PDB file of N, CA and C in Angstrom:
ATOM      1  N   UNK A   1     -17.412   1.003-315.033  1.00  0.00           N
ATOM      2  CA  UNK A   1     -17.125   1.333-313.725  1.00  0.00           C
ATOM      3  C   UNK A   1     -16.529   2.811-313.738  1.00  0.00           C
ATOM      4  N   UNK A   2     -16.745   3.577-312.716  1.00  0.00           N
ATOM      5  CA  UNK A   2     -16.159   4.880-312.693  1.00  0.00           C
ATOM      6  C   UNK A   2     -15.408   5.017-311.355  1.00  0.00           C
ATOM      7  N   UNK A   3     -14.449   5.943-311.441  1.00  0.00           N
ATOM      8  CA  UNK A   3     -13.533   6.201-310.243  1.00  0.00           C
ATOM      9  C   UNK A   3     -13.737   7.603-309.866  1.00  0.00           C
ATOM     10  N   UNK A   4     -14.180   7.971-308.736  1.00  0.00           N
ATOM     11  CA  UNK A   4     -14.449   9.277-308.281  1.00  0.00           C
ATOM     12  C   UNK A   4     -13.453   9.716-307.243  1.00  0.00           C
ATOM     13  N   UNK A   5     -12.819  10.914-307.445  1.00  0.00           N
ATOM     14  CA  UNK A   5     -11.783  11.324-306.413  1.00  0.00           C
ATOM     15  C   UNK A   5     -12.301  12.702-305.964  1.00  0.00           C
ATOM     16  N   UNK A   6     -12.074  13.011-304.711  1.00  0.00           N
ATOM     17  CA  UNK A   6     -12.596  14.225-303.968  1.00  0.00           C
ATOM     18  C   UNK A   6     -11.289  14.787-303.629  1.00  0.00           C
ATOM     19  N   UNK A   7     -11.157  16.138-304.089  1.00  0.00           N
ATOM     20  CA  UNK A   7      -9.955  16.931-303.815  1.00  0.00           C
ATOM     21  C   UNK A   7     -10.448  18.022-302.795  1.00  0.00           C
ATOM     22  N   UNK A   8      -9.846  18.093-301.581  1.00  0.00           N
ATOM     23  CA  UNK A   8     -10.181  19.093-300.572  1.00  0.00           C
ATOM     24  C   UNK A   8      -8.931  19.968-300.444  1.00  0.00           C
ATOM     25  N   UNK A   9      -9.140  21.332-300.509  1.00  0.00           N
ATOM     26  CA  UNK A   9      -8.198  22.248-300.341  1.00  0.00           C
ATOM     27  C   UNK A   9      -8.318  22.871-298.921  1.00  0.00           C
ATOM     28  N   UNK A  10      -7.228  22.960-298.262  1.00  0.00           N
ATOM     29  CA  UNK A  10      -7.339  23.310-296.860  1.00  0.00           C
ATOM     30  C   UNK A  10      -6.504  24.821-296.652  1.00  0.00           C
ATOM     31  N   UNK A  11      -7.334  25.790-296.294  1.00  0.00           N
ATOM     32  CA  UNK A  11      -6.837  27.097-296.014  1.00  0.00           C
ATOM     33  C   UNK A  11      -6.207  27.883-297.147  1.00  0.00           C
ATOM     34  N   UNK A  12      -6.503  27.635-298.388  1.00  0.00           N
ATOM     35  CA  UNK A  12      -5.971  28.390-299.504  1.00  0.00           C
ATOM     36  C   UNK A  12      -7.071  28.434-300.524  1.00  0.00           C
ATOM     37  N   UNK A  13      -7.099  29.514-301.283  1.00  0.00           N
ATOM     38  CA  UNK A  13      -8.230  29.678-302.235  1.00  0.00           C
ATOM     39  C   UNK A  13      -7.749  29.147-303.612  1.00  0.00           C
ATOM     40  N   UNK A  14      -8.555  28.477-304.344  1.00  0.00           N
ATOM     41  CA  UNK A  14      -8.310  28.008-305.634  1.00  0.00           C
ATOM     42  C   UNK A  14      -8.966  28.824-306.621  1.00  0.00           C
ATOM     43  N   UNK A  15      -8.283  29.494-307.577  1.00  0.00           N
ATOM     44  CA  UNK A  15      -8.981  30.180-308.607  1.00  0.00           C
ATOM     45  C   UNK A  15      -9.208  29.518-309.862  1.00  0.00           C
ATOM     46  N   UNK A  16      -8.417  28.444-310.037  1.00  0.00           N
ATOM     47  CA  UNK A  16      -8.387  27.669-311.346  1.00  0.00           C
ATOM     48  C   UNK A  16      -8.397  26.066-311.003  1.00  0.00           C
ATOM     49  N   UNK A  17      -9.556  25.579-310.953  1.00  0.00           N
ATOM     50  CA  UNK A  17      -9.613  24.107-310.570  1.00  0.00           C
ATOM     51  C   UNK A  17      -9.049  23.298-311.739  1.00  0.00           C
ATOM     52  N   UNK A  18      -9.134  23.758-312.927  1.00  0.00           N
ATOM     53  CA  UNK A  18      -8.688  22.921-314.050  1.00  0.00           C
ATOM     54  C   UNK A  18      -7.264  22.795-313.985  1.00  0.00           C
ATOM     55  N   UNK A  19      -6.464  23.877-313.618  1.00  0.00           N
ATOM     56  CA  UNK A  19      -4.979  23.820-313.536  1.00  0.00           C
ATOM     57  C   UNK A  19      -4.595  22.873-312.419  1.00  0.00           C
ATOM     58  N   UNK A  20      -5.298  22.974-311.282  1.00  0.00           N
ATOM     59  CA  UNK A  20      -4.969  22.086-310.129  1.00  0.00           C
ATOM     60  C   UNK A  20      -5.331  20.662-310.621  1.00  0.00           C
ATOM     61  N   UNK A  21      -6.455  20.385-311.140  1.00  0.00           N
ATOM     62  CA  UNK A  21      -6.866  19.085-311.743  1.00  0.00           C
ATOM     63  C   UNK A  21      -5.652  18.526-312.667  1.00  0.00           C
ATOM     64  N   UNK A  22      -5.193  19.404-313.641  1.00  0.00           N
ATOM     65  CA  UNK A  22      -4.175  18.839-314.445  1.00  0.00           C
ATOM     66  C   UNK A  22      -2.820  18.418-313.692  1.00  0.00           C
ATOM     67  N   UNK A  23      -2.535  19.074-312.676  1.00  0.00           N
ATOM     68  CA  UNK A  23      -1.383  18.807-311.917  1.00  0.00           C
ATOM     69  C   UNK A  23      -1.557  17.544-311.096  1.00  0.00           C
ATOM     70  N   UNK A  24      -2.643  17.501-310.456  1.00  0.00           N
ATOM     71  CA  UNK A  24      -2.896  16.195-309.617  1.00  0.00           C
ATOM     72  C   UNK A  24      -3.155  14.946-310.423  1.00  0.00           C
ATOM     73  N   UNK A  25      -3.753  15.108-311.590  1.00  0.00           N
ATOM     74  CA  UNK A  25      -4.108  13.958-312.310  1.00  0.00           C
ATOM     75  C   UNK A  25      -3.350  13.831-313.655  1.00  0.00           C
ATOM     76  N   UNK A  26      -2.200  14.480-313.640  1.00  0.00           N
ATOM     77  CA  UNK A  26      -1.357  14.464-314.954  1.00  0.00           C
ATOM     78  C   UNK A  26      -1.977  14.593-316.156  1.00  0.00           C
ATOM     79  N   UNK A  27      -2.792  15.652-316.279  1.00  0.00           N
ATOM     80  CA  UNK A  27      -3.486  16.118-317.533  1.00  0.00           C
ATOM     81  C   UNK A  27      -4.478  15.038-318.046  1.00  0.00           C
ATOM     82  N   UNK A  28      -4.776  13.961-317.240  1.00  0.00           N
ATOM     83  CA  UNK A  28      -5.994  13.172-317.721  1.00  0.00           C
ATOM     84  C   UNK A  28      -7.273  13.767-317.519  1.00  0.00           C
ATOM     85  N   UNK A  29      -8.099  13.840-318.485  1.00  0.00           N
ATOM     86  CA  UNK A  29      -9.322  14.514-318.499  1.00  0.00           C
ATOM     87  C   UNK A  29     -10.553  13.677-317.867  1.00  0.00           C
ATOM     88  N   UNK A  30     -11.156  14.329-316.863  1.00  0.00           N
ATOM     89  CA  UNK A  30     -12.236  13.346-316.320  1.00  0.00           C
ATOM     90  C   UNK A  30     -13.538  13.362-317.168  1.00  0.00           C
ATOM     91  N   UNK A  31     -14.310  12.475-316.886  1.00  0.00           N
ATOM     92  CA  UNK A  31     -15.643  12.354-317.514  1.00  0.00           C
ATOM     93  C   UNK A  31     -16.609  13.343-317.076  1.00  0.00           C
ATOM     94  N   UNK A  32     -16.384  13.726-315.749  1.00  0.00           N
ATOM     95  CA  UNK A  32     -17.150  14.719-315.111  1.00  0.00           C
ATOM     96  C   UNK A  32     -16.448  15.306-313.890  1.00  0.00           C
ATOM     97  N   UNK A  33     -16.721  16.608-313.787  1.00  0.00           N
ATOM     98  CA  UNK A  33     -15.999  17.329-312.730  1.00  0.00           C
ATOM     99  C   UNK A  33     -17.007  18.477-312.156  1.00  0.00           C
ATOM    100  N   UNK A  34     -16.977  18.520-310.741  1.00  0.00           N
ATOM    101  CA  UNK A  34     -17.705  19.527-310.123  1.00  0.00           C
ATOM    102  C   UNK A  34     -16.777  20.047-309.020  1.00  0.00           C
ATOM    103  N   UNK A  35     -16.944  21.391-308.787  1.00  0.00           N
ATOM    104  CA  UNK A  35     -16.170  22.110-307.681  1.00  0.00           C
ATOM    105  C   UNK A  35     -16.789  23.366-307.411  1.00  0.00           C
ATOM    106  N   UNK A  36     -16.464  23.735-306.150  1.00  0.00           N
ATOM    107  CA  UNK A  36     -16.933  24.890-305.538  1.00  0.00           C
ATOM    108  C   UNK A  36     -16.336  25.088-304.163  1.00  0.00           C
ATOM    109  N   UNK A  37     -15.999  26.310-303.871  1.00  0.00           N
ATOM    110  CA  UNK A  37     -15.354  26.505-302.633  1.00  0.00           C
ATOM    111  C   UNK A  37     -14.060  25.779-302.415  1.00  0.00           C
ATOM    112  N   UNK A  38     -14.102  24.874-301.501  1.00  0.00           N
ATOM    113  CA  UNK A  38     -12.811  24.227-301.222  1.00  0.00           C
ATOM    114  C   UNK A  38     -12.878  22.719-301.555  1.00  0.00           C
ATOM    115  N   UNK A  39     -13.837  22.281-302.221  1.00  0.00           N
ATOM    116  CA  UNK A  39     -13.968  20.885-302.567  1.00  0.00           C
ATOM    117  C   UNK A  39     -14.258  20.710-304.065  1.00  0.00           C
ATOM    118  N   UNK A  40     -13.624  19.910-304.642  1.00  0.00           N
ATOM    119  CA  UNK A  40     -13.940  19.334-306.065  1.00  0.00           C
ATOM    120  C   UNK A  40     -14.032  17.877-306.225  1.00  0.00           C
ATOM    121  N   UNK A  41     -14.955  17.350-307.037  1.00  0.00           N
ATOM    122  CA  UNK A  41     -14.898  15.899-307.289  1.00  0.00           C
ATOM    123  C   UNK A  41     -14.719  15.682-308.842  1.00  0.00           C
ATOM    124  N   UNK A  42     -13.838  14.708-309.170  1.00  0.00           N
ATOM    125  CA  UNK A  42     -13.584  14.445-310.576  1.00  0.00           C
ATOM    126  C   UNK A  42     -13.795  12.908-310.682  1.00  0.00           C
ATOM    127  N   UNK A  43     -14.551  12.598-311.790  1.00  0.00           N
ATOM    128  CA  UNK A  43     -14.908  11.235-312.162  1.00  0.00           C
ATOM    129  C   UNK A  43     -14.185  10.748-313.366  1.00  0.00           C
ATOM    130  N   UNK A  44     -13.405   9.671-313.341  1.00  0.00           N
ATOM    131  CA  UNK A  44     -12.679   9.100-314.430  1.00  0.00           C
ATOM    132  C   UNK A  44     -13.165   7.644-314.755  1.00  0.00           C
ATOM    133  N   UNK A  45     -12.843   7.299-315.980  1.00  0.00           N
ATOM    134  CA  UNK A  45     -13.235   5.948-316.358  1.00  0.00           C
ATOM    135  C   UNK A  45     -12.235   4.828-316.089  1.00  0.00           C
ATOM    136  N   UNK A  46     -11.137   5.358-315.547  1.00  0.00           N
ATOM    137  CA  UNK A  46      -9.930   4.369-315.074  1.00  0.00           C
ATOM    138  C   UNK A  46      -9.390   4.955-313.877  1.00  0.00           C
ATOM    139  N   UNK A  47      -8.753   4.044-313.098  1.00  0.00           N
ATOM    140  CA  UNK A  47      -8.186   4.504-311.835  1.00  0.00           C
ATOM    141  C   UNK A  47      -6.900   5.512-312.103  1.00  0.00           C
ATOM    142  N   UNK A  48      -6.813   6.337-311.172  1.00  0.00           N
ATOM    143  CA  UNK A  48      -5.793   7.368-311.330  1.00  0.00           C
ATOM    144  C   UNK A  48      -4.772   7.219-310.211  1.00  0.00           C
ATOM    145  N   UNK A  49      -3.594   7.816-310.456  1.00  0.00           N
ATOM    146  CA  UNK A  49      -2.594   7.859-309.453  1.00  0.00           C
ATOM    147  C   UNK A  49      -2.272   9.255-309.238  1.00  0.00           C
ATOM    148  N   UNK A  50      -3.113   9.803-308.291  1.00  0.00           N
ATOM    149  CA  UNK A  50      -2.971  11.289-307.935  1.00  0.00           C
ATOM    150  C   UNK A  50      -1.523  11.665-307.474  1.00  0.00           C
ATOM    151  N   UNK A  51      -1.045  12.885-307.980  1.00  0.00           N
ATOM    152  CA  UNK A  51       0.251  13.375-307.594  1.00  0.00           C
ATOM    153  C   UNK A  51       0.187  14.055-306.263  1.00  0.00           C
ATOM    154  N   UNK A  52       1.101  13.905-305.370  1.00  0.00           N
ATOM    155  CA  UNK A  52       1.071  14.581-304.134  1.00  0.00           C
ATOM    156  C   UNK A  52       1.519  16.033-304.323  1.00  0.00           C
ATOM    157  N   UNK A  53       0.733  16.933-304.026  1.00  0.00           N
ATOM    158  CA  UNK A  53       1.067  18.373-304.241  1.00  0.00           C
ATOM    159  C   UNK A  53       1.234  19.140-302.980  1.00  0.00           C
ATOM    160  N   UNK A  54       1.230  18.538-301.705  1.00  0.00           N
ATOM    161  CA  UNK A  54       1.491  19.212-300.602  1.00  0.00           C
ATOM    162  C   UNK A  54       0.414  18.904-299.546  1.00  0.00           C
ATOM    163  N   UNK A  55       0.650  19.225-298.284  1.00  0.00           N
ATOM    164  CA  UNK A  55      -0.224  18.905-297.259  1.00  0.00           C
ATOM    165  C   UNK A  55      -1.481  19.741-297.133  1.00  0.00           C
ATOM    166  N   UNK A  56      -1.643  20.765-298.013  1.00  0.00           N
ATOM    167  CA  UNK A  56      -2.783  21.585-297.988  1.00  0.00           C
ATOM    168  C   UNK A  56      -3.796  21.108-298.859  1.00  0.00           C
ATOM    169  N   UNK A  57      -3.530  20.090-299.684  1.00  0.00           N
ATOM    170  CA  UNK A  57      -4.514  19.545-300.699  1.00  0.00           C
ATOM    171  C   UNK A  57      -4.574  17.989-300.410  1.00  0.00           C
ATOM    172  N   UNK A  58      -5.846  17.645-300.138  1.00  0.00           N
ATOM    173  CA  UNK A  58      -6.100  16.213-299.816  1.00  0.00           C
ATOM    174  C   UNK A  58      -6.800  15.572-300.879  1.00  0.00           C
ATOM    175  N   UNK A  59      -6.423  14.391-301.331  1.00  0.00           N
ATOM    176  CA  UNK A  59      -7.039  13.660-302.447  1.00  0.00           C
ATOM    177  C   UNK A  59      -7.541  12.338-301.892  1.00  0.00           C
ATOM    178  N   UNK A  60      -8.777  12.196-302.053  1.00  0.00           N
ATOM    179  CA  UNK A  60      -9.395  10.776-301.572  1.00  0.00           C
ATOM    180  C   UNK A  60     -10.169  10.244-302.627  1.00  0.00           C
ATOM    181  N   UNK A  61     -10.026   8.826-302.760  1.00  0.00           N
ATOM    182  CA  UNK A  61     -10.905   8.092-303.751  1.00  0.00           C
ATOM    183  C   UNK A  61     -12.177   7.784-302.946  1.00  0.00           C
ATOM    184  N   UNK A  62     -13.293   8.095-303.680  1.00  0.00           N
ATOM    185  CA  UNK A  62     -14.587   7.795-302.993  1.00  0.00           C
ATOM    186  C   UNK A  62     -15.170   6.372-303.379  1.00  0.00           C
ATOM    187  N   UNK A  63     -15.844   5.744-302.698  1.00  0.00           N
ATOM    188  CA  UNK A  63     -16.455   4.526-303.080  1.00  0.00           C
ATOM    189  C   UNK A  63     -17.667   4.655-303.986  1.00  0.00           C
ATOM    190  N   UNK A  64     -17.641   4.063-305.089  1.00  0.00           N
ATOM    191  CA  UNK A  64     -18.732   4.243-306.110  1.00  0.00           C
ATOM    192  C   UNK A  64     -19.439   2.912-306.286  1.00  0.00           C
TER     193      UNK A  64
END
């Protein structure tokens, strides 16, 4: 089973998705990641506890 999280950034530009991912997911490395513009998706083999980093960044777990 995999766990997919979507990260949406509102109103700010992200130049380094890897740094943001490391903060949100406490340096856990995803199996797969895709990102572009304001949205990134990260797939893990175990459930994650995303860190709250502010109201301009929304993290949602997608149904898989």
